[in-house]
Amino acid sequence: MNENKDAAYNARLCDFFRSMKLEKRNELMDKVLHDRTRYIAVALENIYQPHNASAVLRSCDCFGVQDVHIIENSYQYELNPHVSLGAAQWLNLHRYDSGDNNTPECINNLKKEGYRIVATTPDPEAVSIHDFDVTKGKFALLFGTEKFGLTAEACAMADESIRIPMYGFTESFNISVSVSLCLFHFTERIRAEKASWRLSAEEQTDIYLQWLRNTITNSEMIERKFHADYYSG
């Protein structure tokens, strides 16, 4: 199928699945999708504690950030369902786990997609989140492990570095807290500063279809029947 046929098929399938959901559920999904963004992405390098890994996904969903890139070098990314509360089904998770060092693959992929790579660090020489220019184009926030932070390689490959201002004795925030603070700050700013943060119509359809597939019982079987009917007509 070519792209035009794919788009038409996805739109029809989306409408078909929508007809199977309660109207109030569809209205809620419409509202959430309207505020979703890919202008900001989150990339996690070697996050290994299930509580923190799950809390990050929950924050991404709550702040409307659709894409999370997960770099698994030394540790496997594991979730605690009691913390994530099903957030993963609403997000696009991109996992990099094919080798011993998957950091370059993730960062290079993000750069190919047009993202500025922004390393988060407690370094006092880094730019404060308050001074970071969100209008220069979409950006991926890169976060490191709970104990050691980002690797030297990740920092070297980043285009910019930012820090969260701190006024106490403790050197850094917990990783899930850092993600939440950054996402709260930046999702507010991209809306206030008129950045082009909204999803395209095609992206909205694709994401909506993903949500419906994830939440409708026996969606694969139903879609196979729809597919056969669609292309036989």
C-alpha atoms as a PDB file:
ATOM      1  CA  MET A   1       0.000   0.000   0.000  1.00  0.00           C
ATOM      2  CA  ASN A   2       1.234   3.507  -0.789  1.00  0.00           C
ATOM      3  CA  GLU A   3       1.140   6.361   1.733  1.00  0.00           C
ATOM      4  CA  ASN A   4      -2.155   7.799   0.470  1.00  0.00           C
ATOM      5  CA  LYS A   5      -3.844   4.426   0.756  1.00  0.00           C
ATOM      6  CA  ASP A   6      -2.326   3.904   4.201  1.00  0.00           C
ATOM      7  CA  ALA A   7      -3.684   7.269   5.378  1.00  0.00           C
ATOM      8  CA  ALA A   8      -7.157   6.566   3.990  1.00  0.00           C
ATOM      9  CA  TYR A   9      -7.202   3.061   5.465  1.00  0.00           C
ATOM     10  CA  ASN A  10      -6.065   4.286   8.881  1.00  0.00           C
ATOM     11  CA  ALA A  11      -8.706   7.014   8.919  1.00  0.00           C
ATOM     12  CA  ARG A  12     -11.497   4.557   8.044  1.00  0.00           C
ATOM     13  CA  LEU A  13     -10.244   1.995  10.562  1.00  0.00           C
ATOM     14  CA  CYS A  14     -10.042   4.690  13.224  1.00  0.00           C
ATOM     15  CA  ASP A  15     -13.654   5.691  12.569  1.00  0.00           C
ATOM     16  CA  PHE A  16     -14.709   2.040  12.704  1.00  0.00           C
ATOM     17  CA  PHE A  17     -12.991   1.466  16.057  1.00  0.00           C
ATOM     18  CA  ARG A  18     -14.442   4.734  17.401  1.00  0.00           C
ATOM     19  CA  SER A  19     -17.933   3.433  16.695  1.00  0.00           C
ATOM     20  CA  MET A  20     -17.225   0.620  19.156  1.00  0.00           C
ATOM     21  CA  LYS A  21     -16.317   2.948  22.052  1.00  0.00           C
ATOM     22  CA  LEU A  22     -18.658   4.885  24.329  1.00  0.00           C
ATOM     23  CA  GLU A  23     -19.156   8.510  23.284  1.00  0.00           C
ATOM     24  CA  LYS A  24     -17.761   9.875  26.559  1.00  0.00           C
ATOM     25  CA  ARG A  25     -14.634   7.734  26.125  1.00  0.00           C
ATOM     26  CA  ASN A  26     -14.168   9.057  22.596  1.00  0.00           C
ATOM     27  CA  GLU A  27     -14.590  12.629  23.826  1.00  0.00           C
ATOM     28  CA  LEU A  28     -11.921  12.121  26.479  1.00  0.00           C
ATOM     29  CA  MET A  29      -9.505  10.638  23.941  1.00  0.00           C
ATOM     30  CA  ASP A  30     -10.203  13.565  21.577  1.00  0.00           C
ATOM     31  CA  LYS A  31      -9.423  16.031  24.358  1.00  0.00           C
ATOM     32  CA  VAL A  32      -6.174  14.298  25.343  1.00  0.00           C
ATOM     33  CA  LEU A  33      -5.033  13.943  21.730  1.00  0.00           C
ATOM     34  CA  HIS A  34      -5.650  17.646  21.108  1.00  0.00           C
ATOM     35  CA  ASP A  35      -3.003  18.487  23.718  1.00  0.00           C
ATOM     36  CA  ARG A  36      -0.451  15.835  22.715  1.00  0.00           C
ATOM     37  CA  THR A  37       2.941  16.917  21.369  1.00  0.00           C
ATOM     38  CA  ARG A  38       6.025  15.572  19.656  1.00  0.00           C
ATOM     39  CA  TYR A  39       7.784  18.916  19.860  1.00  0.00           C
ATOM     40  CA  ILE A  40       9.395  17.577  23.037  1.00  0.00           C
ATOM     41  CA  ALA A  41      10.687  14.016  23.351  1.00  0.00           C
ATOM     42  CA  VAL A  42      12.253  12.287  26.349  1.00  0.00           C
ATOM     43  CA  ALA A  43      15.305  10.027  26.068  1.00  0.00           C
ATOM     44  CA  LEU A  44      16.425   7.893  29.018  1.00  0.00           C
ATOM     45  CA  GLU A  45      19.912   6.410  29.251  1.00  0.00           C
ATOM     46  CA  ASN A  46      20.249   3.332  31.480  1.00  0.00           C
ATOM     47  CA  ILE A  47      17.367   4.040  33.875  1.00  0.00           C
ATOM     48  CA  TYR A  48      17.061   0.823  35.870  1.00  0.00           C
ATOM     49  CA  GLN A  49      14.945   1.325  38.994  1.00  0.00           C
ATOM     50  CA  PRO A  50      11.361   0.190  38.174  1.00  0.00           C
ATOM     51  CA  HIS A  51       9.793   2.858  40.387  1.00  0.00           C
ATOM     52  CA  ASN A  52      11.598   5.681  38.589  1.00  0.00           C
ATOM     53  CA  ALA A  53      11.172   4.133  35.142  1.00  0.00           C
ATOM     54  CA  SER A  54       7.427   3.887  35.700  1.00  0.00           C
ATOM     55  CA  ALA A  55       7.089   7.363  37.197  1.00  0.00           C
ATOM     56  CA  VAL A  56       8.780   8.860  34.123  1.00  0.00           C
ATOM     57  CA  LEU A  57       6.189   7.306  31.789  1.00  0.00           C
ATOM     58  CA  ARG A  58       3.379   8.523  34.016  1.00  0.00           C
ATOM     59  CA  SER A  59       4.779  12.069  33.885  1.00  0.00           C
ATOM     60  CA  CYS A  60       5.177  11.960  30.101  1.00  0.00           C
ATOM     61  CA  ASP A  61       1.544  10.960  29.684  1.00  0.00           C
ATOM     62  CA  CYS A  62       0.317  13.554  32.195  1.00  0.00           C
ATOM     63  CA  PHE A  63       2.197  16.376  30.440  1.00  0.00           C
ATOM     64  CA  GLY A  64       1.198  15.258  26.941  1.00  0.00           C
ATOM     65  CA  VAL A  65       4.627  14.157  25.683  1.00  0.00           C
ATOM     66  CA  GLN A  66       4.069  11.263  23.282  1.00  0.00           C
ATOM     67  CA  ASP A  67       7.529   9.779  22.602  1.00  0.00           C
ATOM     68  CA  VAL A  68       9.949   8.186  25.057  1.00  0.00           C
ATOM     69  CA  HIS A  69      13.263   6.811  23.806  1.00  0.00           C
ATOM     70  CA  ILE A  70      14.765   4.167  26.085  1.00  0.00           C
ATOM     71  CA  ILE A  71      18.479   3.353  25.923  1.00  0.00           C
ATOM     72  CA  GLU A  72      19.288   0.007  27.535  1.00  0.00           C
ATOM     73  CA  ASN A  73      23.043  -0.450  27.875  1.00  0.00           C
ATOM     74  CA  SER A  74      23.886  -2.014  31.247  1.00  0.00           C
ATOM     75  CA  TYR A  75      20.335  -2.301  32.549  1.00  0.00           C
ATOM     76  CA  GLN A  76      16.951  -3.428  31.258  1.00  0.00           C
ATOM     77  CA  TYR A  77      14.132  -0.909  31.515  1.00  0.00           C
ATOM     78  CA  GLU A  78      11.523  -2.436  33.821  1.00  0.00           C
ATOM     79  CA  LEU A  79       8.172  -1.006  34.885  1.00  0.00           C
ATOM     80  CA  ASN A  80       6.239  -1.099  38.134  1.00  0.00           C
ATOM     81  CA  PRO A  81       2.560  -1.274  37.068  1.00  0.00           C
ATOM     82  CA  HIS A  82       1.421   0.152  40.402  1.00  0.00           C
ATOM     83  CA  VAL A  83       3.357   3.339  39.615  1.00  0.00           C
ATOM     84  CA  SER A  84       2.917   3.678  35.841  1.00  0.00           C
ATOM     85  CA  LEU A  85      -0.867   3.040  36.086  1.00  0.00           C
ATOM     86  CA  GLY A  86      -1.051   1.947  32.458  1.00  0.00           C
ATOM     87  CA  ALA A  87       0.696   5.032  31.064  1.00  0.00           C
ATOM     88  CA  ALA A  88       2.756   2.941  28.606  1.00  0.00           C
ATOM     89  CA  GLN A  89      -0.297   2.100  26.479  1.00  0.00           C
ATOM     90  CA  TRP A  90      -0.780   5.796  25.664  1.00  0.00           C
ATOM     91  CA  LEU A  91       2.837   6.471  24.651  1.00  0.00           C
ATOM     92  CA  ASN A  92       5.199   5.568  21.828  1.00  0.00           C
ATOM     93  CA  LEU A  93       8.139   3.755  23.426  1.00  0.00           C
ATOM     94  CA  HIS A  94      11.288   3.442  21.299  1.00  0.00           C
ATOM     95  CA  ARG A  95      13.742   0.933  22.791  1.00  0.00           C
ATOM     96  CA  TYR A  96      17.434   0.666  21.931  1.00  0.00           C
ATOM     97  CA  ASP A  97      18.818  -2.618  23.242  1.00  0.00           C
ATOM     98  CA  SER A  98      20.589  -4.371  20.362  1.00  0.00           C
ATOM     99  CA  GLY A  99      24.173  -3.900  21.590  1.00  0.00           C
ATOM    100  CA  ASP A 100      26.364  -3.064  24.569  1.00  0.00           C
ATOM    101  CA  ASN A 101      26.327   0.655  23.788  1.00  0.00           C
ATOM    102  CA  ASN A 102      23.069   1.883  22.273  1.00  0.00           C
ATOM    103  CA  THR A 103      23.463   5.561  23.124  1.00  0.00           C
ATOM    104  CA  PRO A 104      24.831   6.668  19.696  1.00  0.00           C
ATOM    105  CA  GLU A 105      22.025   4.898  17.819  1.00  0.00           C
ATOM    106  CA  CYS A 106      19.335   6.635  19.866  1.00  0.00           C
ATOM    107  CA  ILE A 107      20.881  10.096  19.634  1.00  0.00           C
ATOM    108  CA  ASN A 108      21.635   9.796  15.919  1.00  0.00           C
ATOM    109  CA  ASN A 109      18.058   8.659  15.240  1.00  0.00           C
ATOM    110  CA  LEU A 110      16.685  11.637  17.126  1.00  0.00           C
ATOM    111  CA  LYS A 111      18.967  14.000  15.211  1.00  0.00           C
ATOM    112  CA  LYS A 112      17.790  12.506  11.903  1.00  0.00           C
ATOM    113  CA  GLU A 113      14.232  13.256  13.007  1.00  0.00           C
ATOM    114  CA  GLY A 114      15.208  16.902  13.492  1.00  0.00           C
ATOM    115  CA  TYR A 115      15.521  17.007  17.273  1.00  0.00           C
ATOM    116  CA  ARG A 116      17.995  19.124  19.172  1.00  0.00           C
ATOM    117  CA  ILE A 117      19.622  16.871  21.766  1.00  0.00           C
ATOM    118  CA  VAL A 118      19.522  18.533  25.177  1.00  0.00           C
ATOM    119  CA  ALA A 119      21.490  16.914  27.989  1.00  0.00           C
ATOM    120  CA  THR A 120      20.232  17.464  31.526  1.00  0.00           C
ATOM    121  CA  THR A 121      22.984  17.970  34.089  1.00  0.00           C
ATOM    122  CA  PRO A 122      23.626  19.484  37.541  1.00  0.00           C
ATOM    123  CA  ASP A 123      26.659  21.327  36.067  1.00  0.00           C
ATOM    124  CA  PRO A 124      26.378  24.983  37.193  1.00  0.00           C
ATOM    125  CA  GLU A 125      27.857  26.046  33.827  1.00  0.00           C
ATOM    126  CA  ALA A 126      24.891  24.597  31.917  1.00  0.00           C
ATOM    127  CA  VAL A 127      22.047  26.844  30.766  1.00  0.00           C
ATOM    128  CA  SER A 128      19.175  27.227  33.224  1.00  0.00           C
ATOM    129  CA  ILE A 129      15.878  25.774  32.027  1.00  0.00           C
ATOM    130  CA  HIS A 130      14.493  29.302  32.352  1.00  0.00           C
ATOM    131  CA  ASP A 131      16.968  30.581  29.717  1.00  0.00           C
ATOM    132  CA  PHE A 132      16.627  27.733  27.226  1.00  0.00           C
ATOM    133  CA  ASP A 133      15.105  28.852  23.898  1.00  0.00           C
ATOM    134  CA  VAL A 134      12.150  26.579  23.131  1.00  0.00           C
ATOM    135  CA  THR A 135      11.291  28.372  19.874  1.00  0.00           C
ATOM    136  CA  LYS A 136      14.375  27.239  17.919  1.00  0.00           C
ATOM    137  CA  GLY A 137      12.807  23.874  17.036  1.00  0.00           C
ATOM    138  CA  LYS A 138      11.774  20.606  18.621  1.00  0.00           C
ATOM    139  CA  PHE A 139      14.079  19.077  21.209  1.00  0.00           C
ATOM    140  CA  ALA A 140      14.756  15.808  23.022  1.00  0.00           C
ATOM    141  CA  LEU A 141      15.559  15.950  26.719  1.00  0.00           C
ATOM    142  CA  LEU A 142      18.220  13.394  27.617  1.00  0.00           C
ATOM    143  CA  PHE A 143      18.297  12.020  31.183  1.00  0.00           C
ATOM    144  CA  GLY A 144      20.855   9.672  32.734  1.00  0.00           C
ATOM    145  CA  THR A 145      20.992   7.044  35.454  1.00  0.00           C
ATOM    146  CA  GLU A 146      19.866   7.698  38.997  1.00  0.00           C
ATOM    147  CA  LYS A 147      23.364   7.338  40.433  1.00  0.00           C
ATOM    148  CA  PHE A 148      25.807   8.502  37.762  1.00  0.00           C
ATOM    149  CA  GLY A 149      23.833  10.736  35.405  1.00  0.00           C
ATOM    150  CA  LEU A 150      24.512  10.769  31.677  1.00  0.00           C
ATOM    151  CA  THR A 151      27.571   9.092  30.204  1.00  0.00           C
ATOM    152  CA  ALA A 152      30.400  11.237  28.855  1.00  0.00           C
ATOM    153  CA  GLU A 153      29.519  10.036  25.358  1.00  0.00           C
ATOM    154  CA  ALA A 154      25.914  11.187  25.669  1.00  0.00           C
ATOM    155  CA  CYS A 155      27.011  14.600  26.898  1.00  0.00           C
ATOM    156  CA  ALA A 156      29.536  14.916  24.056  1.00  0.00           C
ATOM    157  CA  MET A 157      26.895  14.074  21.447  1.00  0.00           C
ATOM    158  CA  ALA A 158      24.365  16.552  22.870  1.00  0.00           C
ATOM    159  CA  ASP A 159      23.797  19.872  21.127  1.00  0.00           C
ATOM    160  CA  GLU A 160      23.068  21.764  24.340  1.00  0.00           C
ATOM    161  CA  SER A 161      23.032  21.240  28.104  1.00  0.00           C
ATOM    162  CA  ILE A 162      20.546  22.488  30.671  1.00  0.00           C
ATOM    163  CA  ARG A 163      20.188  22.455  34.431  1.00  0.00           C
ATOM    164  CA  ILE A 164      17.352  22.840  36.897  1.00  0.00           C
ATOM    165  CA  PRO A 165      18.177  25.671  39.351  1.00  0.00           C
ATOM    166  CA  MET A 166      18.711  24.378  42.883  1.00  0.00           C
ATOM    167  CA  TYR A 167      19.104  26.242  46.163  1.00  0.00           C
ATOM    168  CA  GLY A 168      19.879  23.526  48.698  1.00  0.00           C
ATOM    169  CA  PHE A 169      22.792  21.301  49.705  1.00  0.00           C
ATOM    170  CA  THR A 170      21.726  18.242  47.688  1.00  0.00           C
ATOM    171  CA  GLU A 171      23.477  18.007  44.315  1.00  0.00           C
ATOM    172  CA  SER A 172      20.646  16.684  42.164  1.00  0.00           C
ATOM    173  CA  PHE A 173      16.992  15.673  42.029  1.00  0.00           C
ATOM    174  CA  ASN A 174      15.730  12.125  41.741  1.00  0.00           C
ATOM    175  CA  ILE A 175      15.498  11.212  38.022  1.00  0.00           C
ATOM    176  CA  SER A 176      11.698  10.983  37.955  1.00  0.00           C
ATOM    177  CA  VAL A 177      11.450  14.347  39.734  1.00  0.00           C
ATOM    178  CA  SER A 178      13.863  15.899  37.224  1.00  0.00           C
ATOM    179  CA  VAL A 179      11.762  14.653  34.313  1.00  0.00           C
ATOM    180  CA  SER A 180       8.556  15.973  35.886  1.00  0.00           C
ATOM    181  CA  LEU A 181      10.029  19.397  36.616  1.00  0.00           C
ATOM    182  CA  CYS A 182      11.429  19.756  33.104  1.00  0.00           C
ATOM    183  CA  LEU A 183       8.237  18.601  31.414  1.00  0.00           C
ATOM    184  CA  PHE A 184       6.028  20.870  33.503  1.00  0.00           C
ATOM    185  CA  HIS A 185       8.252  23.836  32.712  1.00  0.00           C
ATOM    186  CA  PHE A 186       8.755  23.168  29.003  1.00  0.00           C
ATOM    187  CA  THR A 187       5.234  22.048  28.093  1.00  0.00           C
ATOM    188  CA  GLU A 188       3.947  25.284  29.611  1.00  0.00           C
ATOM    189  CA  ARG A 189       6.519  27.323  27.709  1.00  0.00           C
ATOM    190  CA  ILE A 190       5.987  25.816  24.263  1.00  0.00           C
ATOM    191  CA  ARG A 191       2.296  26.669  24.564  1.00  0.00           C
ATOM    192  CA  ALA A 192       2.923  30.174  25.876  1.00  0.00           C
ATOM    193  CA  GLU A 193       5.676  31.049  23.393  1.00  0.00           C
ATOM    194  CA  LYS A 194       3.747  29.961  20.284  1.00  0.00           C
ATOM    195  CA  ALA A 195       6.068  27.142  19.246  1.00  0.00           C
ATOM    196  CA  SER A 196       4.643  24.799  16.580  1.00  0.00           C
ATOM    197  CA  TRP A 197       4.002  22.060  19.091  1.00  0.00           C
ATOM    198  CA  ARG A 198       0.783  20.453  17.846  1.00  0.00           C
ATOM    199  CA  LEU A 199       0.562  17.101  16.073  1.00  0.00           C
ATOM    200  CA  SER A 200      -0.169  16.942  12.371  1.00  0.00           C
ATOM    201  CA  ALA A 201      -3.524  15.501  11.264  1.00  0.00           C
ATOM    202  CA  GLU A 202      -1.826  12.292  10.140  1.00  0.00           C
ATOM    203  CA  GLU A 203       0.042  11.955  13.450  1.00  0.00           C
ATOM    204  CA  GLN A 204      -3.208  12.414  15.340  1.00  0.00           C
ATOM    205  CA  THR A 205      -4.872   9.644  13.343  1.00  0.00           C
ATOM    206  CA  ASP A 206      -1.933   7.266  13.810  1.00  0.00           C
ATOM    207  CA  ILE A 207      -1.742   7.855  17.556  1.00  0.00           C
ATOM    208  CA  TYR A 208      -5.509   7.654  18.000  1.00  0.00           C
ATOM    209  CA  LEU A 209      -5.519   4.349  16.106  1.00  0.00           C
ATOM    210  CA  GLN A 210      -2.727   3.043  18.346  1.00  0.00           C
ATOM    211  CA  TRP A 211      -4.766   3.946  21.443  1.00  0.00           C
ATOM    212  CA  LEU A 212      -7.859   2.233  20.080  1.00  0.00           C
ATOM    213  CA  ARG A 213      -5.898  -0.910  19.201  1.00  0.00           C
ATOM    214  CA  ASN A 214      -4.509  -0.973  22.741  1.00  0.00           C
ATOM    215  CA  THR A 215      -7.864  -0.537  24.467  1.00  0.00           C
ATOM    216  CA  ILE A 216     -10.362  -2.543  22.395  1.00  0.00           C
ATOM    217  CA  THR A 217     -10.701  -6.226  23.257  1.00  0.00           C
ATOM    218  CA  ASN A 218      -9.688  -8.531  20.388  1.00  0.00           C
ATOM    219  CA  SER A 219      -8.683  -5.532  18.263  1.00  0.00           C
ATOM    220  CA  GLU A 220      -6.318  -7.643  16.104  1.00  0.00           C
ATOM    221  CA  MET A 221      -9.074 -10.077  15.145  1.00  0.00           C
ATOM    222  CA  ILE A 222     -11.510  -7.236  14.466  1.00  0.00           C
ATOM    223  CA  GLU A 223      -8.947  -5.418  12.333  1.00  0.00           C
ATOM    224  CA  ARG A 224      -8.225  -8.516  10.243  1.00  0.00           C
ATOM    225  CA  LYS A 225     -11.920  -8.725   9.375  1.00  0.00           C
ATOM    226  CA  PHE A 226     -12.054  -4.987   8.619  1.00  0.00           C
ATOM    227  CA  HIS A 227      -8.928  -5.264   6.442  1.00  0.00           C
ATOM    228  CA  ALA A 228     -10.432  -8.105   4.400  1.00  0.00           C
ATOM    229  CA  ASP A 229     -13.700  -6.235   3.895  1.00  0.00           C
ATOM    230  CA  TYR A 230     -11.962  -2.939   3.067  1.00  0.00           C
ATOM    231  CA  TYR A 231      -9.778  -4.361   0.307  1.00  0.00           C
ATOM    232  CA  SER A 232     -12.397  -6.657  -1.130  1.00  0.00           C
ATOM    233  CA  GLY A 233     -14.829  -3.836  -1.756  1.00  0.00           C
END
